[in-house]
Amino acid sequence: MIRLLSRADIHSATLGGDEDYPIASRMRLAGHLVAIGKTMPSPFEFPARRTAKLAAHRAQMQAVLAATHAWRRGKARDQSHTSDAGSADAMSAQSFIQMTTQIAPHPPIDVRLHADTLHRGSRIRARIRWTDPVLHQRLSRSITVNDVEKAEEFFRLMRSHNGSAVDPLVSFSSYVHWIGDRFLRGVDPTSTASGYRAGLRLRVLPALGHLCVREITTGIVDRAIDNWEGTYSRSTLKNTIAALTRVLDEAVRDDLITHNPVRDRAGRRYRTNLELPHTKLIPGPDDVVRIAEACTEIHQSYADHVMLSAFLAARSSEVGGLLVGDVDWASKVVTIERQCFPGAGGLSIKPPKGRRARRVPIIELLEPMLRRLTTRRSRNLPLLRGPRGGVITTASLRDATDWDELVASLGLRGLRRHDLRHAGATWFANAGVPIHVVSDILGHASVETTRAYLHTDDTALQNAAARMNEHLREAAMSS
């Protein structure tokens, strides 16, 4: 049974007994409650329409009362921590105001708007009114500003968005809630999407969620990224910025803003000191064998994973996707046509990153291990699994082997698991394999991408020195 709002309800919900809460905020919330009370259906309306109005009235009242109780709980909790009571009270009040302003009315599409102003001392109340075409109720939206120019700006803003379903004054957090997963269109839901959601939830919303979408400028974005740079890794920062960019792209499409401020941000250094970047460490084949031998002491599967990653120049997820039948002993090649990894909703199996299968030659160092993994085994079985039968990921390999300490003890400090793929590509190139063939082995669509994988290792430098010495000797003899 839903009853009409009483004066006691309004007094309680607007924190009438809390003198610490600003009177202006209590008055604004009281206005929300009165507007909700006006939406109560008449007993003479049709039953279906009356039921719909009652449901809407119940939902609005629950939102307001939940916000009120949340503020009171926050205030009580903050008072118990006197050391940071001031900042906590401000945070609670800010969260309360955000929750209550989310129910502020917004004009439906293509209704006639009436604007008026009212001087209140040194300030001006700017108000837009309209008649709801469904409820036939007179509703309004108002703000208090310091001058006439700000009032006119508010009127222009409301009129310009009269044909939109989006509130032009919506906060960033409310807008994110409103669009849902729309900003993830075209993103792989099994892997990339989870990183974007985490970046948005854990970093973007705490930093920018309280701001109006229209208030987010390039300078604000730059300062937020500056704060993130000193705390998070480059990959985490990349996912966070990508999520923010995609959300504001949706705001551009909804005509909330004219351009995306993230796309105008300053170039990032991703380096907090003036040290010169070190050359990427590329292990030799003997180094990888030593790493595999050290991993054998923990479990043989980890050693096999290291060898396959390096000598097939494969990603960790591609090693997890290999089947016994992918090893062709007649042609002595391994076909990589899928990747397998734990993703959102369970184990994910999908095509490789390049969306096409590729064939990698089997070199002699891999033959004994591949013979052991394929002999008398069904073609449909996974080629390699971990000690407990699960997929070996780069994270599980790191944790199980104490990777950083292991490679440092072998004189390869800073070597990453993905560097094994770079090493395999570099070995093929140093052996004189044409770059377009190396590109096919790696599964790259562009040779330029392959160039970024090739690094100058000690073997290449020693070969260069030998050729230079031979050239100098020939030049000396000819003179």
Protein backbone atom coordinates (compact mmCIF):
# COMPACT_ATOMS: atom_id res chain seq x y z
CA MET A 1 0.00 0.00 0.00
CA ILE A 2 1.51 3.34 -1.10
CA ARG A 3 0.49 6.45 0.80
CA LEU A 4 0.96 10.11 -0.03
CA LEU A 5 3.93 11.98 1.41
CA SER A 6 3.29 13.68 4.73
CA ARG A 7 5.11 16.62 6.26
CA ALA A 8 6.81 14.18 8.64
CA ASP A 9 8.12 12.19 5.66
CA ILE A 10 9.58 15.28 4.06
CA HIS A 11 11.04 16.50 7.37
CA SER A 12 12.67 13.09 8.01
CA ALA A 13 13.94 12.49 4.48
CA THR A 14 15.44 15.99 4.22
CA LEU A 15 17.39 15.52 7.46
CA GLY A 16 15.38 18.18 9.20
CA GLY A 17 16.90 17.29 12.56
CA ASP A 18 20.51 17.52 11.32
CA GLU A 19 21.69 21.09 11.65
CA ASP A 20 25.02 20.21 10.03
CA TYR A 21 23.41 19.51 6.69
CA PRO A 22 23.12 22.67 4.51
CA ILE A 23 19.65 24.21 4.42
CA ALA A 24 19.89 24.71 0.65
CA SER A 25 20.46 20.98 0.15
CA ARG A 26 17.50 20.14 2.41
CA MET A 27 15.29 22.50 0.41
CA ARG A 28 16.42 20.97 -2.88
CA LEU A 29 15.67 17.46 -1.66
CA ALA A 30 12.30 18.60 -0.34
CA GLY A 31 11.53 19.86 -3.83
CA HIS A 32 12.35 16.40 -5.23
CA LEU A 33 10.02 14.77 -2.73
CA VAL A 34 7.16 17.15 -3.44
CA ALA A 35 7.60 16.48 -7.18
CA ILE A 36 7.44 12.77 -6.47
CA GLY A 37 4.32 13.25 -4.39
CA LYS A 38 2.65 15.04 -7.31
CA THR A 39 3.10 11.94 -9.46
CA MET A 40 0.76 9.92 -7.26
CA PRO A 41 -2.07 8.57 -9.42
CA SER A 42 -5.66 9.62 -9.11
CA PRO A 43 -8.15 6.97 -7.87
CA PHE A 44 -10.25 7.68 -10.98
CA GLU A 45 -7.53 6.66 -13.48
CA PHE A 46 -7.53 3.39 -15.40
CA PRO A 47 -6.14 0.46 -13.33
CA ALA A 48 -3.16 -0.26 -15.64
CA ARG A 49 -2.05 3.35 -15.69
CA ARG A 50 -2.52 3.67 -11.94
CA THR A 51 -0.39 0.53 -11.35
CA ALA A 52 2.44 1.93 -13.50
CA LYS A 53 2.40 5.24 -11.63
CA LEU A 54 2.44 3.50 -8.28
CA ALA A 55 5.50 1.47 -9.32
CA ALA A 56 7.32 4.62 -10.46
CA HIS A 57 6.38 6.42 -7.23
CA ARG A 58 7.66 3.50 -5.13
CA ALA A 59 11.00 3.38 -6.98
CA GLN A 60 11.57 7.14 -6.64
CA MET A 61 10.75 7.14 -2.94
CA GLN A 62 13.07 4.20 -2.31
CA ALA A 63 15.91 6.04 -4.08
CA VAL A 64 15.46 9.18 -1.99
CA LEU A 65 15.11 7.36 1.32
CA ALA A 66 18.10 5.10 0.54
CA ALA A 67 20.18 8.19 -0.14
CA THR A 68 19.04 9.75 3.12
CA HIS A 69 19.89 6.67 5.17
CA ALA A 70 23.26 6.32 3.39
CA TRP A 71 24.17 9.88 4.36
CA ARG A 72 23.12 9.29 7.96
CA ARG A 73 25.12 6.05 8.19
CA GLY A 74 28.13 7.76 6.66
CA LYS A 75 27.83 10.65 9.11
CA ALA A 76 27.61 8.30 12.10
CA ARG A 77 30.57 6.30 10.86
CA ASP A 78 32.63 9.41 10.23
CA GLN A 79 31.94 10.80 13.71
CA SER A 80 33.47 7.64 15.18
CA HIS A 81 36.75 8.45 13.40
CA THR A 82 37.60 11.91 14.71
CA SER A 83 41.00 11.96 13.04
CA ASP A 84 39.56 12.43 9.57
CA ALA A 85 36.01 13.51 10.41
CA GLY A 86 36.19 16.66 8.29
CA SER A 87 37.17 14.93 5.05
CA ALA A 88 34.82 12.01 5.72
CA ASP A 89 31.84 14.34 6.31
CA ALA A 90 32.60 16.10 3.04
CA MET A 91 32.80 12.79 1.21
CA SER A 92 29.51 11.56 2.70
CA ALA A 93 27.71 14.80 1.88
CA GLN A 94 29.10 14.75 -1.65
CA SER A 95 27.96 11.16 -2.20
CA PHE A 96 24.53 12.04 -0.80
CA ILE A 97 24.12 15.03 -3.12
CA GLN A 98 25.15 12.87 -6.11
CA MET A 99 22.56 10.23 -5.24
CA THR A 100 19.75 12.74 -4.83
CA THR A 101 20.56 14.73 -7.97
CA GLN A 102 20.30 11.57 -10.05
CA ILE A 103 16.51 11.75 -9.72
CA ALA A 104 16.31 15.37 -10.93
CA PRO A 105 13.67 15.60 -13.69
CA HIS A 106 14.73 15.94 -17.32
CA PRO A 107 12.40 17.20 -20.07
CA PRO A 108 11.13 14.50 -22.45
CA ILE A 109 11.87 14.76 -26.15
CA ASP A 110 10.22 17.67 -28.01
CA VAL A 111 8.14 19.18 -25.22
CA ARG A 112 7.64 22.94 -24.98
CA LEU A 113 9.92 24.56 -22.37
CA HIS A 114 9.17 27.74 -20.40
CA ALA A 115 12.04 29.64 -18.81
CA ASP A 116 11.94 32.15 -15.96
CA THR A 117 14.33 33.70 -13.44
CA LEU A 118 13.92 34.91 -9.87
CA HIS A 119 16.40 37.15 -8.03
CA ARG A 120 17.22 35.89 -4.55
CA GLY A 121 19.50 38.42 -2.94
CA SER A 122 22.80 38.42 -4.84
CA ARG A 123 21.98 35.20 -6.71
CA ILE A 124 19.50 34.17 -9.41
CA ARG A 125 17.29 31.12 -9.63
CA ALA A 126 17.02 29.91 -13.25
CA ARG A 127 14.11 27.55 -13.90
CA ILE A 128 12.84 25.53 -16.86
CA ARG A 129 9.25 24.21 -16.71
CA TRP A 130 7.32 21.82 -18.92
CA THR A 131 4.27 19.56 -18.94
CA ASP A 132 4.91 15.83 -18.92
CA PRO A 133 3.07 14.39 -21.98
CA VAL A 134 2.27 11.10 -20.20
CA LEU A 135 1.53 12.08 -16.62
CA HIS A 136 0.11 15.53 -17.55
CA GLN A 137 1.95 16.97 -14.57
CA ARG A 138 3.78 20.30 -14.46
CA LEU A 139 7.48 19.60 -13.78
CA SER A 140 10.52 21.83 -13.53
CA ARG A 141 14.30 21.87 -13.33
CA SER A 142 16.16 24.75 -11.69
CA ILE A 143 19.60 25.84 -10.55
CA THR A 144 20.89 28.85 -8.63
CA VAL A 145 23.62 30.89 -10.33
CA ASN A 146 25.55 34.09 -9.69
CA ASP A 147 24.66 36.13 -12.79
CA VAL A 148 22.31 36.38 -15.74
CA GLU A 149 24.89 34.99 -18.18
CA LYS A 150 25.03 31.71 -16.28
CA ALA A 151 21.23 31.55 -16.24
CA GLU A 152 21.07 32.05 -20.01
CA GLU A 153 23.71 29.38 -20.46
CA PHE A 154 21.54 26.97 -18.45
CA PHE A 155 18.50 27.82 -20.62
CA ARG A 156 20.47 27.27 -23.84
CA LEU A 157 21.79 23.98 -22.55
CA MET A 158 18.36 22.64 -21.64
CA ARG A 159 16.83 23.78 -24.93
CA SER A 160 19.65 22.32 -27.03
CA HIS A 161 19.13 18.90 -25.40
CA ASN A 162 15.36 18.97 -25.56
CA GLY A 163 15.53 16.44 -28.40
CA SER A 164 17.83 14.13 -26.45
CA ALA A 165 17.10 11.45 -23.90
CA VAL A 166 20.27 12.35 -21.97
CA ASP A 167 20.32 14.91 -19.18
CA PRO A 168 22.75 17.66 -20.31
CA LEU A 169 23.89 18.14 -16.70
CA VAL A 170 24.46 14.45 -16.03
CA SER A 171 27.47 13.51 -13.93
CA PHE A 172 30.14 11.23 -15.36
CA SER A 173 29.27 8.40 -12.96
CA SER A 174 25.56 8.62 -13.80
CA TYR A 175 26.34 8.67 -17.51
CA VAL A 176 28.52 5.55 -17.17
CA HIS A 177 25.66 3.80 -15.38
CA TRP A 178 23.20 4.94 -18.06
CA ILE A 179 25.19 3.71 -21.09
CA GLY A 180 26.08 0.37 -19.48
CA ASP A 181 28.40 -1.69 -21.71
CA ARG A 182 27.74 0.40 -24.80
CA PHE A 183 31.31 1.77 -24.65
CA LEU A 184 32.63 -1.80 -25.09
CA ARG A 185 31.22 -2.27 -28.60
CA GLY A 186 33.81 -4.00 -30.79
CA VAL A 187 35.96 -5.03 -27.79
CA ASP A 188 36.76 -8.69 -27.17
CA PRO A 189 34.40 -9.64 -24.30
CA THR A 190 36.57 -12.58 -23.20
CA SER A 191 39.75 -10.63 -22.44
CA THR A 192 40.08 -6.91 -23.21
CA ALA A 193 36.66 -5.93 -21.87
CA SER A 194 37.49 -7.02 -18.32
CA GLY A 195 40.56 -4.77 -18.28
CA TYR A 196 38.54 -1.80 -19.52
CA ARG A 197 35.82 -2.37 -16.92
CA ALA A 198 38.40 -2.59 -14.14
CA GLY A 199 40.13 0.59 -15.27
CA LEU A 200 36.82 2.44 -15.39
CA ARG A 201 35.60 1.17 -12.00
CA LEU A 202 38.83 1.36 -10.00
CA ARG A 203 40.50 4.49 -11.40
CA VAL A 204 38.34 6.63 -13.68
CA LEU A 205 35.15 6.80 -11.61
CA PRO A 206 36.90 7.59 -8.30
CA ALA A 207 38.83 10.40 -10.00
CA LEU A 208 36.22 11.90 -12.35
CA GLY A 209 32.85 10.37 -11.44
CA HIS A 210 31.67 13.40 -9.42
CA LEU A 211 32.16 15.81 -12.33
CA CYS A 212 29.55 16.78 -14.88
CA VAL A 213 30.46 15.27 -18.24
CA ARG A 214 30.57 18.75 -19.77
CA GLU A 215 33.07 19.89 -17.11
CA ILE A 216 35.74 17.32 -18.01
CA THR A 217 38.50 19.17 -19.87
CA THR A 218 41.81 18.13 -21.36
CA GLY A 219 43.60 19.68 -18.40
CA ILE A 220 41.59 17.63 -15.92
CA VAL A 221 42.33 14.47 -17.92
CA ASP A 222 46.06 15.30 -17.99
CA ARG A 223 46.17 15.80 -14.22
CA ALA A 224 44.33 12.51 -13.64
CA ILE A 225 46.78 10.64 -15.88
CA ASP A 226 49.71 12.30 -14.09
CA ASN A 227 48.43 10.83 -10.81
CA TRP A 228 47.90 7.39 -12.33
CA GLU A 229 51.34 7.34 -13.95
CA GLY A 230 53.12 7.37 -10.63
CA THR A 231 51.13 4.44 -9.24
CA TYR A 232 50.16 1.98 -11.98
CA SER A 233 51.98 0.00 -14.66
CA ARG A 234 51.98 1.00 -18.29
CA SER A 235 49.51 -1.73 -19.32
CA THR A 236 47.11 -0.80 -16.51
CA LEU A 237 47.35 2.87 -17.50
CA LYS A 238 46.70 1.97 -21.13
CA ASN A 239 43.47 0.11 -20.26
CA THR A 240 42.33 2.95 -18.00
CA ILE A 241 42.83 5.64 -20.63
CA ALA A 242 41.19 3.46 -23.29
CA ALA A 243 38.08 3.02 -21.14
CA LEU A 244 37.85 6.77 -20.44
CA THR A 245 38.30 7.54 -24.15
CA ARG A 246 35.53 5.16 -25.17
CA VAL A 247 33.04 6.51 -22.62
CA LEU A 248 33.63 10.11 -23.74
CA ASP A 249 33.32 9.01 -27.38
CA GLU A 250 29.81 7.88 -26.48
CA ALA A 251 29.19 11.29 -24.88
CA VAL A 252 30.17 12.92 -28.19
CA ARG A 253 27.70 10.70 -30.05
CA ASP A 254 24.99 11.66 -27.54
CA ASP A 255 25.74 15.37 -28.17
CA LEU A 256 26.69 15.93 -24.53
CA ILE A 257 30.07 17.34 -25.62
CA THR A 258 31.39 18.51 -28.96
CA HIS A 259 34.75 16.73 -28.84
CA ASN A 260 36.54 14.15 -26.72
CA PRO A 261 39.03 15.89 -24.38
CA VAL A 262 41.06 12.70 -23.92
CA ARG A 263 42.08 12.77 -27.57
CA ASP A 264 43.70 16.20 -27.06
CA ARG A 265 45.78 15.14 -24.06
CA ALA A 266 49.53 15.70 -23.86
CA GLY A 267 51.95 13.04 -25.03
CA ARG A 268 53.04 10.79 -22.18
CA ARG A 269 56.58 9.89 -21.24
CA TYR A 270 55.70 6.75 -19.24
CA ARG A 271 59.02 7.31 -17.43
CA THR A 272 59.34 8.93 -14.02
CA ASN A 273 63.10 9.55 -14.10
CA LEU A 274 65.83 10.71 -16.45
CA GLU A 275 67.52 7.33 -16.84
CA LEU A 276 68.19 6.18 -20.38
CA PRO A 277 66.07 3.21 -21.48
CA HIS A 278 68.02 -0.05 -21.49
CA THR A 279 68.27 -2.26 -24.55
CA LYS A 280 65.78 -5.14 -24.39
CA LEU A 281 67.41 -8.25 -22.99
CA ILE A 282 67.30 -11.05 -25.57
CA PRO A 283 68.44 -14.43 -24.28
CA GLY A 284 70.23 -16.88 -26.51
CA PRO A 285 69.09 -20.45 -27.14
CA ASP A 286 71.49 -21.72 -24.45
CA ASP A 287 70.02 -19.23 -21.96
CA VAL A 288 66.49 -20.51 -22.61
CA VAL A 289 67.65 -24.08 -22.10
CA ARG A 290 69.12 -23.07 -18.73
CA ILE A 291 65.82 -21.42 -17.73
CA ALA A 292 63.93 -24.57 -18.74
CA GLU A 293 66.30 -26.75 -16.68
CA ALA A 294 65.69 -24.54 -13.63
CA CYS A 295 61.91 -24.80 -14.17
CA THR A 296 62.19 -28.59 -14.37
CA GLU A 297 63.02 -28.65 -10.66
CA ILE A 298 59.53 -27.25 -10.00
CA HIS A 299 57.60 -29.20 -12.65
CA GLN A 300 58.35 -30.46 -16.14
CA SER A 301 55.34 -28.70 -17.66
CA TYR A 302 56.80 -25.29 -16.84
CA ALA A 303 60.03 -26.18 -18.61
CA ASP A 304 58.10 -27.38 -21.66
CA HIS A 305 56.11 -24.15 -21.70
CA VAL A 306 59.30 -22.06 -21.71
CA MET A 307 60.79 -24.06 -24.58
CA LEU A 308 57.64 -23.90 -26.71
CA SER A 309 57.22 -20.16 -26.13
CA ALA A 310 60.77 -19.43 -27.26
CA PHE A 311 61.43 -21.89 -30.08
CA LEU A 312 57.96 -21.54 -31.62
CA ALA A 313 57.97 -17.74 -31.01
CA ALA A 314 54.47 -18.23 -29.60
CA ARG A 315 52.35 -16.34 -27.10
CA SER A 316 51.57 -18.01 -23.79
CA SER A 317 47.88 -18.37 -24.70
CA GLU A 318 48.83 -19.94 -28.06
CA VAL A 319 50.95 -22.55 -26.30
CA GLY A 320 47.90 -23.31 -24.15
CA GLY A 321 45.79 -23.74 -27.29
CA LEU A 322 48.01 -26.33 -28.99
CA LEU A 323 46.64 -29.84 -29.56
CA VAL A 324 48.60 -33.02 -30.16
CA GLY A 325 47.27 -33.09 -33.72
CA ASP A 326 48.78 -29.65 -34.43
CA VAL A 327 52.24 -31.24 -34.57
CA ASP A 328 52.86 -32.51 -38.13
CA TRP A 329 55.86 -34.82 -38.11
CA ALA A 330 55.67 -35.43 -41.86
CA SER A 331 56.31 -31.75 -42.63
CA LYS A 332 58.04 -31.03 -39.32
CA VAL A 333 55.87 -28.00 -38.58
CA VAL A 334 53.55 -26.97 -35.75
CA THR A 335 50.27 -25.29 -36.73
CA ILE A 336 49.13 -22.52 -34.38
CA GLU A 337 45.44 -21.86 -35.04
CA ARG A 338 43.92 -21.12 -31.62
CA GLN A 339 44.63 -19.63 -28.23
CA CYS A 340 43.28 -20.83 -24.90
CA PHE A 341 43.24 -18.87 -21.66
CA PRO A 342 41.07 -18.32 -18.57
CA GLY A 343 38.76 -15.42 -19.39
CA ALA A 344 35.47 -13.90 -18.33
CA GLY A 345 32.99 -16.73 -17.76
CA GLY A 346 35.54 -19.56 -17.82
CA LEU A 347 38.05 -20.99 -20.26
CA SER A 348 38.14 -19.06 -23.57
CA ILE A 349 39.18 -20.64 -26.86
CA LYS A 350 39.40 -18.39 -29.91
CA PRO A 351 41.59 -17.77 -32.99
CA PRO A 352 45.06 -16.26 -32.55
CA LYS A 353 45.49 -12.52 -32.27
CA GLY A 354 46.11 -12.19 -36.01
CA ARG A 355 42.83 -14.03 -36.76
CA ARG A 356 44.61 -16.58 -38.98
CA ALA A 357 46.46 -19.85 -38.52
CA ARG A 358 50.21 -20.01 -39.02
CA ARG A 359 52.84 -22.74 -39.34
CA VAL A 360 56.13 -22.76 -37.43
CA PRO A 361 59.04 -25.08 -38.32
CA ILE A 362 60.23 -27.58 -35.71
CA ILE A 363 63.91 -27.10 -34.92
CA GLU A 364 66.12 -29.88 -33.59
CA LEU A 365 66.15 -28.63 -29.98
CA LEU A 366 62.35 -29.07 -29.80
CA GLU A 367 62.13 -32.55 -31.33
CA PRO A 368 62.80 -34.66 -28.19
CA MET A 369 60.29 -32.70 -26.12
CA LEU A 370 57.59 -32.77 -28.84
CA ARG A 371 58.11 -36.52 -29.32
CA ARG A 372 57.53 -37.02 -25.61
CA LEU A 373 54.36 -34.87 -25.63
CA THR A 374 52.81 -36.50 -28.72
CA THR A 375 53.79 -40.19 -28.60
CA ARG A 376 50.79 -42.50 -28.12
CA ARG A 377 48.42 -39.65 -27.38
CA SER A 378 45.11 -38.82 -29.05
CA ARG A 379 45.21 -36.02 -31.61
CA ASN A 380 42.42 -34.11 -29.86
CA LEU A 381 44.14 -33.88 -26.49
CA PRO A 382 45.85 -30.64 -25.36
CA LEU A 383 49.56 -30.75 -26.09
CA LEU A 384 50.57 -29.26 -22.72
CA ARG A 385 48.84 -28.70 -19.40
CA GLY A 386 50.05 -27.69 -15.94
CA PRO A 387 50.70 -29.86 -12.88
CA ARG A 388 47.00 -29.93 -11.96
CA GLY A 389 45.67 -30.23 -15.49
CA GLY A 390 44.98 -26.52 -16.07
CA VAL A 391 46.16 -24.05 -18.71
CA ILE A 392 49.55 -22.51 -17.94
CA THR A 393 49.25 -18.73 -18.17
CA THR A 394 52.03 -16.17 -17.95
CA ALA A 395 50.79 -15.27 -14.45
CA SER A 396 50.72 -18.88 -13.22
CA LEU A 397 54.22 -19.45 -14.64
CA ARG A 398 55.45 -16.33 -12.84
CA ASP A 399 53.95 -17.33 -9.51
CA ALA A 400 54.86 -21.03 -9.62
CA THR A 401 58.51 -20.49 -10.57
CA ASP A 402 59.20 -17.17 -8.79
CA TRP A 403 60.15 -16.01 -12.25
CA ASP A 404 61.89 -12.74 -11.39
CA GLU A 405 64.18 -14.40 -8.85
CA LEU A 406 64.80 -17.37 -11.14
CA VAL A 407 65.95 -15.36 -14.17
CA ALA A 408 67.96 -12.99 -11.96
CA SER A 409 69.87 -15.96 -10.52
CA LEU A 410 70.77 -16.95 -14.08
CA GLY A 411 72.08 -13.49 -14.94
CA LEU A 412 68.97 -12.50 -16.93
CA ARG A 413 67.45 -9.93 -14.57
CA GLY A 414 64.36 -8.20 -16.00
CA LEU A 415 63.54 -10.90 -18.55
CA ARG A 416 59.77 -11.18 -19.06
CA ARG A 417 57.83 -14.24 -20.16
CA HIS A 418 56.74 -12.52 -23.41
CA ASP A 419 60.40 -11.75 -24.17
CA LEU A 420 60.77 -15.43 -25.06
CA ARG A 421 58.62 -14.79 -28.14
CA HIS A 422 60.80 -11.81 -29.07
CA ALA A 423 63.88 -14.01 -28.62
CA GLY A 424 62.54 -16.68 -30.99
CA ALA A 425 61.80 -14.05 -33.65
CA THR A 426 65.30 -12.60 -33.30
CA TRP A 427 66.93 -16.04 -33.67
CA PHE A 428 65.07 -16.69 -36.92
CA ALA A 429 66.17 -13.29 -38.27
CA ASN A 430 69.80 -13.79 -37.19
CA ALA A 431 69.81 -17.15 -38.99
CA GLY A 432 69.16 -15.32 -42.25
CA VAL A 433 65.45 -16.14 -42.56
CA PRO A 434 63.81 -13.41 -44.74
CA ILE A 435 61.78 -10.95 -42.74
CA HIS A 436 58.55 -11.73 -44.58
CA VAL A 437 58.93 -15.38 -43.52
CA VAL A 438 59.63 -14.32 -39.93
CA SER A 439 56.46 -12.19 -40.12
CA ASP A 440 54.45 -15.24 -41.20
CA ILE A 441 55.94 -17.32 -38.38
CA LEU A 442 54.92 -14.68 -35.84
CA GLY A 443 51.46 -14.25 -37.39
CA HIS A 444 51.86 -10.53 -38.07
CA ALA A 445 49.79 -8.79 -40.73
CA SER A 446 52.53 -6.20 -41.32
CA VAL A 447 56.28 -6.53 -41.68
CA GLU A 448 56.64 -3.27 -39.75
CA THR A 449 55.14 -4.97 -36.70
CA THR A 450 57.70 -7.75 -37.07
CA ARG A 451 60.56 -5.22 -37.13
CA ALA A 452 59.57 -4.12 -33.63
CA TYR A 453 60.05 -7.73 -32.45
CA LEU A 454 63.59 -8.04 -33.79
CA HIS A 455 66.38 -6.98 -31.45
CA THR A 456 70.15 -6.90 -31.66
CA ASP A 457 71.49 -9.64 -29.38
CA ASP A 458 75.08 -10.57 -28.50
CA THR A 459 75.30 -13.08 -31.35
CA ALA A 460 74.42 -10.42 -33.93
CA LEU A 461 76.99 -8.02 -32.42
CA GLN A 462 79.69 -10.69 -32.46
CA ASN A 463 78.91 -11.50 -36.12
CA ALA A 464 79.07 -7.80 -36.95
CA ALA A 465 82.46 -7.52 -35.24
CA ALA A 466 83.79 -10.57 -37.12
CA ARG A 467 82.70 -9.11 -40.47
CA MET A 468 84.22 -5.74 -39.60
CA ASN A 469 87.53 -7.35 -38.59
CA GLU A 470 87.62 -9.31 -41.84
CA HIS A 471 86.91 -6.15 -43.83
CA LEU A 472 89.72 -4.26 -42.07
CA ARG A 473 92.19 -7.08 -42.71
CA GLU A 474 91.28 -7.15 -46.42
CA ALA A 475 91.66 -3.39 -46.61
CA ALA A 476 95.09 -3.54 -44.96
CA MET A 477 96.30 -6.26 -47.33
CA SER A 478 95.08 -4.39 -50.42
CA SER A 479 96.93 -1.24 -49.36
